[in-house]
Amino acid sequence: MQTRRSFSKAVAAGVVTAAIVPMPSTRRLMAAGSVTTVRLADQPGAEVDYAAVWIAEGLGYLEEEGIKIDRRSYANGPAAMLDFPSGSIDAVMAAIVPFMQFAAGGGQFKLIMSLTKGNAPLVGLQKFKSYKDLDGQNIGSPGIGTVHDAVLGYVEETQGIKLRHIYGKITDFAVMTEKGEINGFIGWEPASAAAIAQKPPIPHMESLGLVFQPKIAAENPDLIVRFVRATLRGIDFIKKSSKEKTAELIAKKMNDTKAIPVVVNALGSVELTDPRLDMPSTRILLKTIAKQGKIPADLVTDVDGWMGKYLDYSFLDKAEGR
């Protein structure tokens, strides 16, 4: 557990981004006053899960597009979406479940692309060898409305077990497990020596995506295209580079080079290079939360039709040059 403690300390310590020397084109953009700040929401300790964006920032791809990130971290995805209508944030990186629960309540957004799949491993004490072994156990969850809590519900449904959902901060779960307050947890730190499952129980599970304010999509669509184009360059870097090289950049974002082994392990647990949603797993997740009473059941009679009201690939298509 020492490695995880180091990782949690890095989260608690905050983030320092490496200085980037602007490219000549970037200097011209800055001189012309054309740099746009995007107030971007995410979650603490989520650098691995949003690797493509942070690599795009760290390597200067976003700067070359005239974009600067103002990072705003929230406890979880639902917390960010609660603040979304205020207009205090421009974009959110979070999970498909809180996005669509927000939509079920009348919220509006543009779902631009997928960022991460497979981001909900269940970890716990090594004595537990299967999901069945967890029947009746206390399991940490980052909150009602998160994709992780929905996955716990799916596990209960498919495995015929009942779990006690203990809600708390993701950065506290490792210590809570050591103290015996919980027997395992599910979250977005996908690396642990005591992993019960390296992957969620749903193949290629759709996890995290990017949404923008509808007003920005209407009034400044080119900003979103440029943001996505830089992110795609981050994805291309991940595809072409070793996990160790990618981990170096992510650990730098975490301001903790000692976290590189943890990040390498984490990179083996998530899928970061497919910008389009995995619809089979999305249907499972949304139907699961409907059964849990978190959204009206009639919304999932046609999941694809409902999703189509919010999912807009036009920005991704333009960024890809289609």
C-alpha atoms as a PDB file:
ATOM      1  CA  MET A   1       0.000   0.000   0.000  1.00  0.00           C
ATOM      2  CA  GLN A   2       3.041   2.297   0.271  1.00  0.00           C
ATOM      3  CA  THR A   3       2.888   3.068  -3.436  1.00  0.00           C
ATOM      4  CA  ARG A   4      -0.743   4.091  -3.224  1.00  0.00           C
ATOM      5  CA  ARG A   5       0.038   6.351  -0.224  1.00  0.00           C
ATOM      6  CA  SER A   6       2.679   8.089  -2.336  1.00  0.00           C
ATOM      7  CA  PHE A   7       0.126   8.526  -5.083  1.00  0.00           C
ATOM      8  CA  SER A   8      -2.441   9.974  -2.655  1.00  0.00           C
ATOM      9  CA  LYS A   9       0.164  12.378  -1.244  1.00  0.00           C
ATOM     10  CA  ALA A  10       0.821  13.609  -4.744  1.00  0.00           C
ATOM     11  CA  VAL A  11      -2.889  14.300  -5.147  1.00  0.00           C
ATOM     12  CA  ALA A  12      -3.083  16.129  -1.830  1.00  0.00           C
ATOM     13  CA  ALA A  13       0.017  18.168  -2.579  1.00  0.00           C
ATOM     14  CA  GLY A  14      -1.519  19.777  -5.642  1.00  0.00           C
ATOM     15  CA  VAL A  15      -0.365  20.125  -9.201  1.00  0.00           C
ATOM     16  CA  VAL A  16       2.476  22.032 -10.808  1.00  0.00           C
ATOM     17  CA  THR A  17       2.607  22.130 -14.592  1.00  0.00           C
ATOM     18  CA  ALA A  18       5.964  22.188 -16.328  1.00  0.00           C
ATOM     19  CA  ALA A  19       6.800  25.403 -18.153  1.00  0.00           C
ATOM     20  CA  ILE A  20       6.410  25.178 -21.896  1.00  0.00           C
ATOM     21  CA  VAL A  21       8.367  27.321 -24.327  1.00  0.00           C
ATOM     22  CA  PRO A  22       5.775  28.590 -26.829  1.00  0.00           C
ATOM     23  CA  MET A  23       6.204  27.742 -30.480  1.00  0.00           C
ATOM     24  CA  PRO A  24       6.569  30.752 -32.788  1.00  0.00           C
ATOM     25  CA  SER A  25       2.930  30.441 -33.846  1.00  0.00           C
ATOM     26  CA  THR A  26       1.908  30.437 -30.203  1.00  0.00           C
ATOM     27  CA  ARG A  27       3.893  33.591 -29.538  1.00  0.00           C
ATOM     28  CA  ARG A  28       2.010  35.299 -32.350  1.00  0.00           C
ATOM     29  CA  LEU A  29      -1.303  34.175 -30.891  1.00  0.00           C
ATOM     30  CA  MET A  30      -0.307  35.473 -27.466  1.00  0.00           C
ATOM     31  CA  ALA A  31       0.892  38.775 -28.900  1.00  0.00           C
ATOM     32  CA  ALA A  32      -2.385  39.176 -30.708  1.00  0.00           C
ATOM     33  CA  GLY A  33      -4.330  38.497 -27.505  1.00  0.00           C
ATOM     34  CA  SER A  34      -5.876  35.393 -29.057  1.00  0.00           C
ATOM     35  CA  VAL A  35      -5.138  32.932 -26.248  1.00  0.00           C
ATOM     36  CA  THR A  36      -8.356  31.584 -24.753  1.00  0.00           C
ATOM     37  CA  THR A  37      -8.563  30.199 -21.227  1.00  0.00           C
ATOM     38  CA  VAL A  38     -10.753  27.132 -20.826  1.00  0.00           C
ATOM     39  CA  ARG A  39     -11.989  26.549 -17.276  1.00  0.00           C
ATOM     40  CA  LEU A  40     -11.786  22.771 -17.212  1.00  0.00           C
ATOM     41  CA  ALA A  41     -13.244  20.615 -14.424  1.00  0.00           C
ATOM     42  CA  ASP A  42     -11.885  17.208 -13.434  1.00  0.00           C
ATOM     43  CA  GLN A  43     -11.396  15.127 -10.279  1.00  0.00           C
ATOM     44  CA  PRO A  44      -8.444  14.885  -7.858  1.00  0.00           C
ATOM     45  CA  GLY A  45      -6.012  12.107  -8.684  1.00  0.00           C
ATOM     46  CA  ALA A  46      -7.376  11.717 -12.206  1.00  0.00           C
ATOM     47  CA  GLU A  47      -4.260  12.606 -14.186  1.00  0.00           C
ATOM     48  CA  VAL A  48      -3.921   9.088 -15.624  1.00  0.00           C
ATOM     49  CA  ASP A  49      -7.535   8.952 -16.736  1.00  0.00           C
ATOM     50  CA  TYR A  50      -7.271  12.238 -18.627  1.00  0.00           C
ATOM     51  CA  ALA A  51      -3.770  11.575 -19.891  1.00  0.00           C
ATOM     52  CA  ALA A  52      -4.438  12.704 -23.463  1.00  0.00           C
ATOM     53  CA  VAL A  53      -5.490  16.178 -22.332  1.00  0.00           C
ATOM     54  CA  TRP A  54      -2.653  16.600 -19.841  1.00  0.00           C
ATOM     55  CA  ILE A  55      -0.113  15.409 -22.382  1.00  0.00           C
ATOM     56  CA  ALA A  56      -1.566  17.877 -24.889  1.00  0.00           C
ATOM     57  CA  GLU A  57      -1.031  20.564 -22.280  1.00  0.00           C
ATOM     58  CA  GLY A  58       2.420  19.390 -21.189  1.00  0.00           C
ATOM     59  CA  LEU A  59       3.812  19.112 -24.712  1.00  0.00           C
ATOM     60  CA  GLY A  60       2.435  22.487 -25.754  1.00  0.00           C
ATOM     61  CA  TYR A  61      -0.202  21.187 -28.190  1.00  0.00           C
ATOM     62  CA  LEU A  62      -2.946  23.220 -26.521  1.00  0.00           C
ATOM     63  CA  GLU A  63      -0.769  26.324 -26.500  1.00  0.00           C
ATOM     64  CA  GLU A  64      -0.159  25.909 -30.212  1.00  0.00           C
ATOM     65  CA  GLU A  65      -3.941  26.006 -30.617  1.00  0.00           C
ATOM     66  CA  GLY A  66      -4.131  29.230 -28.586  1.00  0.00           C
ATOM     67  CA  ILE A  67      -5.635  27.542 -25.502  1.00  0.00           C
ATOM     68  CA  LYS A  68      -4.704  27.719 -21.844  1.00  0.00           C
ATOM     69  CA  ILE A  69      -6.288  25.453 -19.217  1.00  0.00           C
ATOM     70  CA  ASP A  70      -7.557  26.748 -15.898  1.00  0.00           C
ATOM     71  CA  ARG A  71      -7.937  23.484 -13.975  1.00  0.00           C
ATOM     72  CA  ARG A  72     -10.885  23.244 -11.570  1.00  0.00           C
ATOM     73  CA  SER A  73     -10.979  19.970  -9.607  1.00  0.00           C
ATOM     74  CA  TYR A  74     -14.210  18.721  -8.008  1.00  0.00           C
ATOM     75  CA  ALA A  75     -14.705  15.799  -5.624  1.00  0.00           C
ATOM     76  CA  ASN A  76     -16.399  13.782  -8.385  1.00  0.00           C
ATOM     77  CA  GLY A  77     -18.268  14.104 -11.658  1.00  0.00           C
ATOM     78  CA  PRO A  78     -21.718  14.805 -10.147  1.00  0.00           C
ATOM     79  CA  ALA A  79     -20.254  17.683  -8.115  1.00  0.00           C
ATOM     80  CA  ALA A  80     -18.852  19.268 -11.274  1.00  0.00           C
ATOM     81  CA  MET A  81     -22.144  18.892 -13.123  1.00  0.00           C
ATOM     82  CA  LEU A  82     -24.009  20.520 -10.243  1.00  0.00           C
ATOM     83  CA  ASP A  83     -21.847  23.590 -10.827  1.00  0.00           C
ATOM     84  CA  PHE A  84     -22.062  23.410 -14.619  1.00  0.00           C
ATOM     85  CA  PRO A  85     -25.297  25.445 -14.998  1.00  0.00           C
ATOM     86  CA  SER A  86     -23.724  28.383 -13.131  1.00  0.00           C
ATOM     87  CA  GLY A  87     -21.383  28.968 -16.064  1.00  0.00           C
ATOM     88  CA  SER A  88     -18.358  29.066 -13.783  1.00  0.00           C
ATOM     89  CA  ILE A  89     -16.760  26.256 -15.776  1.00  0.00           C
ATOM     90  CA  ASP A  90     -16.535  25.899 -19.535  1.00  0.00           C
ATOM     91  CA  ALA A  91     -15.954  22.167 -19.867  1.00  0.00           C
ATOM     92  CA  VAL A  92     -16.009  19.038 -17.716  1.00  0.00           C
ATOM     93  CA  MET A  93     -14.060  15.799 -17.920  1.00  0.00           C
ATOM     94  CA  ALA A  94     -16.129  13.200 -16.072  1.00  0.00           C
ATOM     95  CA  ALA A  95     -18.069   9.977 -16.532  1.00  0.00           C
ATOM     96  CA  ILE A  96     -20.978   9.165 -18.803  1.00  0.00           C
ATOM     97  CA  VAL A  97     -23.269   8.389 -15.839  1.00  0.00           C
ATOM     98  CA  PRO A  98     -23.191  11.830 -14.177  1.00  0.00           C
ATOM     99  CA  PHE A  99     -23.479  13.435 -17.613  1.00  0.00           C
ATOM    100  CA  MET A 100     -26.663  11.569 -18.431  1.00  0.00           C
ATOM    101  CA  GLN A 101     -28.129  11.933 -14.937  1.00  0.00           C
ATOM    102  CA  PHE A 102     -27.610  15.665 -15.427  1.00  0.00           C
ATOM    103  CA  ALA A 103     -29.419  15.378 -18.767  1.00  0.00           C
ATOM    104  CA  ALA A 104     -32.267  13.445 -17.122  1.00  0.00           C
ATOM    105  CA  GLY A 105     -32.781  16.400 -14.805  1.00  0.00           C
ATOM    106  CA  GLY A 106     -33.048  18.826 -17.706  1.00  0.00           C
ATOM    107  CA  GLY A 107     -29.382  19.821 -17.934  1.00  0.00           C
ATOM    108  CA  GLN A 108     -27.912  20.851 -21.262  1.00  0.00           C
ATOM    109  CA  PHE A 109     -24.409  20.186 -22.610  1.00  0.00           C
ATOM    110  CA  LYS A 110     -22.518  19.080 -25.685  1.00  0.00           C
ATOM    111  CA  LEU A 111     -20.853  15.679 -25.309  1.00  0.00           C
ATOM    112  CA  ILE A 112     -17.788  16.030 -27.513  1.00  0.00           C
ATOM    113  CA  MET A 113     -15.735  12.849 -27.227  1.00  0.00           C
ATOM    114  CA  SER A 114     -14.729   9.887 -25.086  1.00  0.00           C
ATOM    115  CA  LEU A 115     -11.487  10.137 -23.127  1.00  0.00           C
ATOM    116  CA  THR A 116     -11.260   6.905 -21.147  1.00  0.00           C
ATOM    117  CA  LYS A 117     -12.654   3.398 -21.103  1.00  0.00           C
ATOM    118  CA  GLY A 118     -12.277   0.688 -18.465  1.00  0.00           C
ATOM    119  CA  ASN A 119     -11.877   3.158 -15.622  1.00  0.00           C
ATOM    120  CA  ALA A 120     -13.607   1.441 -12.704  1.00  0.00           C
ATOM    121  CA  PRO A 121     -11.510  -1.405 -11.298  1.00  0.00           C
ATOM    122  CA  LEU A 122     -12.582  -2.800  -7.951  1.00  0.00           C
ATOM    123  CA  VAL A 123      -9.665  -3.119  -5.548  1.00  0.00           C
ATOM    124  CA  GLY A 124      -9.416  -4.534  -2.053  1.00  0.00           C
ATOM    125  CA  LEU A 125      -7.805  -6.990   0.337  1.00  0.00           C
ATOM    126  CA  GLN A 126      -5.992  -9.913  -1.268  1.00  0.00           C
ATOM    127  CA  LYS A 127      -8.098 -12.444   0.662  1.00  0.00           C
ATOM    128  CA  PHE A 128     -11.005 -11.625  -1.659  1.00  0.00           C
ATOM    129  CA  LYS A 129     -10.594 -13.681  -4.814  1.00  0.00           C
ATOM    130  CA  SER A 130     -13.858 -12.879  -6.601  1.00  0.00           C
ATOM    131  CA  TYR A 131     -16.828 -10.547  -6.607  1.00  0.00           C
ATOM    132  CA  LYS A 132     -18.861 -13.268  -4.848  1.00  0.00           C
ATOM    133  CA  ASP A 133     -16.458 -13.050  -1.890  1.00  0.00           C
ATOM    134  CA  LEU A 134     -17.513  -9.438  -1.373  1.00  0.00           C
ATOM    135  CA  ASP A 135     -21.148 -10.244  -0.608  1.00  0.00           C
ATOM    136  CA  GLY A 136     -22.197  -8.124   2.391  1.00  0.00           C
ATOM    137  CA  GLN A 137     -18.871  -6.281   2.611  1.00  0.00           C
ATOM    138  CA  ASN A 138     -18.252  -2.540   3.011  1.00  0.00           C
ATOM    139  CA  ILE A 139     -17.062  -1.129  -0.308  1.00  0.00           C
ATOM    140  CA  GLY A 140     -15.931   2.454  -0.794  1.00  0.00           C
ATOM    141  CA  SER A 141     -17.607   4.459  -3.543  1.00  0.00           C
ATOM    142  CA  PRO A 142     -16.770   8.011  -4.675  1.00  0.00           C
ATOM    143  CA  GLY A 143     -20.429   8.984  -4.542  1.00  0.00           C
ATOM    144  CA  ILE A 144     -24.011   8.511  -5.645  1.00  0.00           C
ATOM    145  CA  GLY A 145     -24.308   9.389  -9.307  1.00  0.00           C
ATOM    146  CA  THR A 146     -20.769   8.374 -10.259  1.00  0.00           C
ATOM    147  CA  VAL A 147     -20.105   5.755 -12.921  1.00  0.00           C
ATOM    148  CA  HIS A 148     -18.266   3.800 -10.232  1.00  0.00           C
ATOM    149  CA  ASP A 149     -21.355   3.536  -8.043  1.00  0.00           C
ATOM    150  CA  ALA A 150     -23.314   2.427 -11.102  1.00  0.00           C
ATOM    151  CA  VAL A 151     -20.745  -0.314 -11.743  1.00  0.00           C
ATOM    152  CA  LEU A 152     -21.162  -1.506  -8.145  1.00  0.00           C
ATOM    153  CA  GLY A 153     -24.886  -1.734  -8.841  1.00  0.00           C
ATOM    154  CA  TYR A 154     -24.190  -3.743 -11.988  1.00  0.00           C
ATOM    155  CA  VAL A 155     -21.942  -6.111 -10.031  1.00  0.00           C
ATOM    156  CA  GLU A 156     -24.673  -6.622  -7.431  1.00  0.00           C
ATOM    157  CA  GLU A 157     -27.250  -7.301 -10.133  1.00  0.00           C
ATOM    158  CA  THR A 158     -25.171  -9.710 -12.219  1.00  0.00           C
ATOM    159  CA  GLN A 159     -23.416 -11.513  -9.341  1.00  0.00           C
ATOM    160  CA  GLY A 160     -26.450 -11.800  -7.089  1.00  0.00           C
ATOM    161  CA  ILE A 161     -24.717 -10.106  -4.153  1.00  0.00           C
ATOM    162  CA  LYS A 162     -25.336  -7.098  -1.941  1.00  0.00           C
ATOM    163  CA  LEU A 163     -22.645  -4.569  -1.096  1.00  0.00           C
ATOM    164  CA  ARG A 164     -22.647  -1.847   1.533  1.00  0.00           C
ATOM    165  CA  HIS A 165     -21.774   1.327  -0.370  1.00  0.00           C
ATOM    166  CA  ILE A 166     -19.580   3.515   1.848  1.00  0.00           C
ATOM    167  CA  TYR A 167     -19.290   6.978   0.316  1.00  0.00           C
ATOM    168  CA  GLY A 168     -16.152   9.047   0.753  1.00  0.00           C
ATOM    169  CA  LYS A 169     -13.207  10.799  -0.851  1.00  0.00           C
ATOM    170  CA  ILE A 170     -11.203   8.720  -3.290  1.00  0.00           C
ATOM    171  CA  THR A 171      -7.980   9.872  -1.623  1.00  0.00           C
ATOM    172  CA  ASP A 172      -9.136   8.448   1.738  1.00  0.00           C
ATOM    173  CA  PHE A 173     -10.034   4.943   0.577  1.00  0.00           C
ATOM    174  CA  ALA A 174      -6.575   3.369   0.821  1.00  0.00           C
ATOM    175  CA  VAL A 175      -6.233   4.415   4.460  1.00  0.00           C
ATOM    176  CA  MET A 176      -9.821   3.350   5.202  1.00  0.00           C
ATOM    177  CA  THR A 177      -9.018  -0.077   3.767  1.00  0.00           C
ATOM    178  CA  GLU A 178      -5.912  -0.384   5.951  1.00  0.00           C
ATOM    179  CA  LYS A 179      -7.951   0.552   9.038  1.00  0.00           C
ATOM    180  CA  GLY A 180     -10.601  -2.041   8.222  1.00  0.00           C
ATOM    181  CA  GLU A 181     -13.329   0.565   7.742  1.00  0.00           C
ATOM    182  CA  ILE A 182     -13.929  -0.772   4.241  1.00  0.00           C
ATOM    183  CA  ASN A 183     -12.916  -4.051   2.596  1.00  0.00           C
ATOM    184  CA  GLY A 184     -12.338  -2.626  -0.846  1.00  0.00           C
ATOM    185  CA  PHE A 185     -13.220   0.312  -3.052  1.00  0.00           C
ATOM    186  CA  ILE A 186     -13.976   1.344  -6.571  1.00  0.00           C
ATOM    187  CA  GLY A 187     -12.556   4.510  -8.061  1.00  0.00           C
ATOM    188  CA  TRP A 188     -10.444   6.211 -10.654  1.00  0.00           C
ATOM    189  CA  GLU A 189      -7.011   5.306  -9.363  1.00  0.00           C
ATOM    190  CA  PRO A 190      -6.707   2.086 -11.383  1.00  0.00           C
ATOM    191  CA  ALA A 191      -3.527   0.688  -9.863  1.00  0.00           C
ATOM    192  CA  SER A 192      -3.192  -1.536  -6.807  1.00  0.00           C
ATOM    193  CA  ALA A 193      -1.152  -4.538  -5.766  1.00  0.00           C
ATOM    194  CA  ALA A 194      -4.324  -5.919  -4.218  1.00  0.00           C
ATOM    195  CA  ALA A 195      -6.528  -5.688  -7.313  1.00  0.00           C
ATOM    196  CA  ILE A 196      -9.522  -8.004  -7.447  1.00  0.00           C
ATOM    197  CA  ALA A 197     -10.047  -7.111 -11.086  1.00  0.00           C
ATOM    198  CA  GLN A 198      -7.808  -5.158 -13.415  1.00  0.00           C
ATOM    199  CA  LYS A 199     -10.793  -4.391 -15.597  1.00  0.00           C
ATOM    200  CA  PRO A 200     -14.426  -3.580 -14.799  1.00  0.00           C
ATOM    201  CA  PRO A 201     -16.965  -6.381 -15.303  1.00  0.00           C
ATOM    202  CA  ILE A 202     -18.158  -4.700 -18.511  1.00  0.00           C
ATOM    203  CA  PRO A 203     -15.836  -5.116 -21.542  1.00  0.00           C
ATOM    204  CA  HIS A 204     -14.428  -1.816 -22.894  1.00  0.00           C
ATOM    205  CA  MET A 205     -16.641   0.002 -20.418  1.00  0.00           C
ATOM    206  CA  GLU A 206     -17.333   3.585 -21.425  1.00  0.00           C
ATOM    207  CA  SER A 207     -16.043   5.689 -18.558  1.00  0.00           C
ATOM    208  CA  LEU A 208     -15.003   9.284 -19.056  1.00  0.00           C
ATOM    209  CA  GLY A 209     -15.689  11.930 -21.626  1.00  0.00           C
ATOM    210  CA  LEU A 210     -15.537  15.636 -22.384  1.00  0.00           C
ATOM    211  CA  VAL A 211     -18.500  18.009 -22.379  1.00  0.00           C
ATOM    212  CA  PHE A 212     -18.611  21.712 -23.216  1.00  0.00           C
ATOM    213  CA  GLN A 213     -21.144  24.424 -22.478  1.00  0.00           C
ATOM    214  CA  PRO A 214     -23.794  24.623 -25.243  1.00  0.00           C
ATOM    215  CA  LYS A 215     -23.209  28.386 -25.461  1.00  0.00           C
ATOM    216  CA  ILE A 216     -19.554  27.846 -26.370  1.00  0.00           C
ATOM    217  CA  ALA A 217     -20.534  25.214 -28.929  1.00  0.00           C
ATOM    218  CA  ALA A 218     -22.906  27.724 -30.545  1.00  0.00           C
ATOM    219  CA  GLU A 219     -20.820  30.896 -30.312  1.00  0.00           C
ATOM    220  CA  ASN A 220     -17.235  29.624 -30.520  1.00  0.00           C
ATOM    221  CA  PRO A 221     -17.252  26.147 -32.087  1.00  0.00           C
ATOM    222  CA  ASP A 222     -13.700  26.582 -33.385  1.00  0.00           C
ATOM    223  CA  LEU A 223     -12.439  26.697 -29.789  1.00  0.00           C
ATOM    224  CA  ILE A 224     -13.797  23.186 -29.216  1.00  0.00           C
ATOM    225  CA  VAL A 225     -12.346  21.939 -32.501  1.00  0.00           C
ATOM    226  CA  ARG A 226      -8.916  23.288 -31.513  1.00  0.00           C
ATOM    227  CA  PHE A 227      -9.177  21.736 -28.038  1.00  0.00           C
ATOM    228  CA  VAL A 228     -10.085  18.368 -29.549  1.00  0.00           C
ATOM    229  CA  ARG A 229      -7.341  18.613 -32.178  1.00  0.00           C
ATOM    230  CA  ALA A 230      -4.730  19.120 -29.453  1.00  0.00           C
ATOM    231  CA  THR A 231      -6.209  16.223 -27.453  1.00  0.00           C
ATOM    232  CA  LEU A 232      -6.014  13.957 -30.501  1.00  0.00           C
ATOM    233  CA  ARG A 233      -2.317  14.763 -30.715  1.00  0.00           C
ATOM    234  CA  GLY A 234      -2.085  13.676 -27.079  1.00  0.00           C
ATOM    235  CA  ILE A 235      -3.816  10.418 -28.000  1.00  0.00           C
ATOM    236  CA  ASP A 236      -1.395   9.921 -30.892  1.00  0.00           C
ATOM    237  CA  PHE A 237       1.532  10.412 -28.493  1.00  0.00           C
ATOM    238  CA  ILE A 238       0.120   7.712 -26.179  1.00  0.00           C
ATOM    239  CA  LYS A 239      -0.299   5.332 -29.114  1.00  0.00           C
ATOM    240  CA  LYS A 240       3.256   5.800 -30.333  1.00  0.00           C
ATOM    241  CA  SER A 241       5.071   6.018 -26.988  1.00  0.00           C
ATOM    242  CA  SER A 242       5.962   3.508 -24.312  1.00  0.00           C
ATOM    243  CA  LYS A 243       3.977   3.454 -21.069  1.00  0.00           C
ATOM    244  CA  GLU A 244       7.129   4.633 -19.302  1.00  0.00           C
ATOM    245  CA  LYS A 245       7.417   7.747 -21.495  1.00  0.00           C
ATOM    246  CA  THR A 246       3.740   8.554 -21.063  1.00  0.00           C
ATOM    247  CA  ALA A 247       4.046   7.936 -17.326  1.00  0.00           C
ATOM    248  CA  GLU A 248       6.915  10.422 -17.089  1.00  0.00           C
ATOM    249  CA  LEU A 249       4.719  13.203 -18.438  1.00  0.00           C
ATOM    250  CA  ILE A 250       1.767  12.279 -16.230  1.00  0.00           C
ATOM    251  CA  ALA A 251       3.955  12.060 -13.122  1.00  0.00           C
ATOM    252  CA  LYS A 252       5.291  15.516 -13.971  1.00  0.00           C
ATOM    253  CA  LYS A 253       1.700  16.784 -14.066  1.00  0.00           C
ATOM    254  CA  MET A 254       1.224  15.190 -10.630  1.00  0.00           C
ATOM    255  CA  ASN A 255       4.425  16.895  -9.473  1.00  0.00           C
ATOM    256  CA  ASP A 256       5.730  13.538  -8.243  1.00  0.00           C
ATOM    257  CA  THR A 257       8.325  11.669 -10.311  1.00  0.00           C
ATOM    258  CA  LYS A 258       8.255   8.868  -7.719  1.00  0.00           C
ATOM    259  CA  ALA A 259       4.741   8.040  -8.920  1.00  0.00           C
ATOM    260  CA  ILE A 260       5.991   6.806 -12.305  1.00  0.00           C
ATOM    261  CA  PRO A 261       5.726   3.050 -11.387  1.00  0.00           C
ATOM    262  CA  VAL A 262       2.152   3.583 -10.167  1.00  0.00           C
ATOM    263  CA  VAL A 263       1.255   5.450 -13.339  1.00  0.00           C
ATOM    264  CA  VAL A 264       2.779   2.747 -15.548  1.00  0.00           C
ATOM    265  CA  ASN A 265       0.632   0.177 -13.745  1.00  0.00           C
ATOM    266  CA  ALA A 266      -2.436   2.397 -14.087  1.00  0.00           C
ATOM    267  CA  LEU A 267      -1.880   2.876 -17.810  1.00  0.00           C
ATOM    268  CA  GLY A 268      -2.228  -0.882 -18.201  1.00  0.00           C
ATOM    269  CA  SER A 269      -5.722  -0.764 -16.695  1.00  0.00           C
ATOM    270  CA  VAL A 270      -7.396   1.881 -18.834  1.00  0.00           C
ATOM    271  CA  GLU A 271      -8.042   2.519 -22.522  1.00  0.00           C
ATOM    272  CA  LEU A 272      -7.129   6.072 -23.546  1.00  0.00           C
ATOM    273  CA  THR A 273      -6.968   6.127 -27.334  1.00  0.00           C
ATOM    274  CA  ASP A 274     -10.525   5.720 -28.659  1.00  0.00           C
ATOM    275  CA  PRO A 275     -12.280   9.113 -28.926  1.00  0.00           C
ATOM    276  CA  ARG A 276     -15.677   7.642 -29.763  1.00  0.00           C
ATOM    277  CA  LEU A 277     -18.060   6.224 -27.180  1.00  0.00           C
ATOM    278  CA  ASP A 278     -18.479   2.503 -26.637  1.00  0.00           C
ATOM    279  CA  MET A 279     -22.226   2.246 -27.047  1.00  0.00           C
ATOM    280  CA  PRO A 280     -22.771  -1.379 -25.861  1.00  0.00           C
ATOM    281  CA  SER A 281     -21.367  -0.578 -22.411  1.00  0.00           C
ATOM    282  CA  THR A 282     -23.091   2.815 -22.372  1.00  0.00           C
ATOM    283  CA  ARG A 283     -26.437   1.090 -22.835  1.00  0.00           C
ATOM    284  CA  ILE A 284     -25.666  -1.286 -19.952  1.00  0.00           C
ATOM    285  CA  LEU A 285     -24.656   1.546 -17.614  1.00  0.00           C
ATOM    286  CA  LEU A 286     -27.665   3.734 -18.350  1.00  0.00           C
ATOM    287  CA  LYS A 287     -30.117   0.854 -18.051  1.00  0.00           C
ATOM    288  CA  THR A 288     -28.464  -0.085 -14.747  1.00  0.00           C
ATOM    289  CA  ILE A 289     -28.960   3.362 -13.203  1.00  0.00           C
ATOM    290  CA  ALA A 290     -32.544   3.366 -14.489  1.00  0.00           C
ATOM    291  CA  LYS A 291     -33.167   0.107 -12.584  1.00  0.00           C
ATOM    292  CA  GLN A 292     -31.609   1.766  -9.525  1.00  0.00           C
ATOM    293  CA  GLY A 293     -34.159   4.573  -9.830  1.00  0.00           C
ATOM    294  CA  LYS A 294     -31.533   7.237 -10.549  1.00  0.00           C
ATOM    295  CA  ILE A 295     -33.117   8.229 -13.877  1.00  0.00           C
ATOM    296  CA  PRO A 296     -36.619   7.646 -15.336  1.00  0.00           C
ATOM    297  CA  ALA A 297     -36.923   4.253 -17.007  1.00  0.00           C
ATOM    298  CA  ASP A 298     -38.555   5.681 -20.128  1.00  0.00           C
ATOM    299  CA  LEU A 299     -35.330   7.473 -21.024  1.00  0.00           C
ATOM    300  CA  VAL A 300     -33.524   4.197 -21.663  1.00  0.00           C
ATOM    301  CA  THR A 301     -36.100   2.565 -23.903  1.00  0.00           C
ATOM    302  CA  ASP A 302     -34.017   4.078 -26.729  1.00  0.00           C
ATOM    303  CA  VAL A 303     -30.596   4.833 -25.268  1.00  0.00           C
ATOM    304  CA  ASP A 304     -29.065   5.721 -28.642  1.00  0.00           C
ATOM    305  CA  GLY A 305     -31.854   8.167 -29.444  1.00  0.00           C
ATOM    306  CA  TRP A 306     -31.562   9.820 -26.049  1.00  0.00           C
ATOM    307  CA  MET A 307     -27.777  10.036 -26.278  1.00  0.00           C
ATOM    308  CA  GLY A 308     -28.113  11.539 -29.739  1.00  0.00           C
ATOM    309  CA  LYS A 309     -29.638  14.677 -28.243  1.00  0.00           C
ATOM    310  CA  TYR A 310     -26.345  15.460 -26.487  1.00  0.00           C
ATOM    311  CA  LEU A 311     -23.578  13.611 -28.346  1.00  0.00           C
ATOM    312  CA  ASP A 312     -22.123  15.747 -31.140  1.00  0.00           C
ATOM    313  CA  TYR A 313     -19.224  14.279 -33.128  1.00  0.00           C
ATOM    314  CA  SER A 314     -19.068  17.244 -35.523  1.00  0.00           C
ATOM    315  CA  PHE A 315     -16.218  18.841 -33.539  1.00  0.00           C
ATOM    316  CA  LEU A 316     -14.280  15.573 -33.482  1.00  0.00           C
ATOM    317  CA  ASP A 317     -14.868  15.054 -37.197  1.00  0.00           C
ATOM    318  CA  LYS A 318     -13.485  18.515 -37.989  1.00  0.00           C
ATOM    319  CA  ALA A 319     -10.498  17.993 -35.688  1.00  0.00           C
ATOM    320  CA  GLU A 320      -9.763  14.738 -37.505  1.00  0.00           C
ATOM    321  CA  GLY A 321      -9.977  16.550 -40.839  1.00  0.00           C
ATOM    322  CA  ARG A 322     -13.072  14.730 -42.032  1.00  0.00           C
END
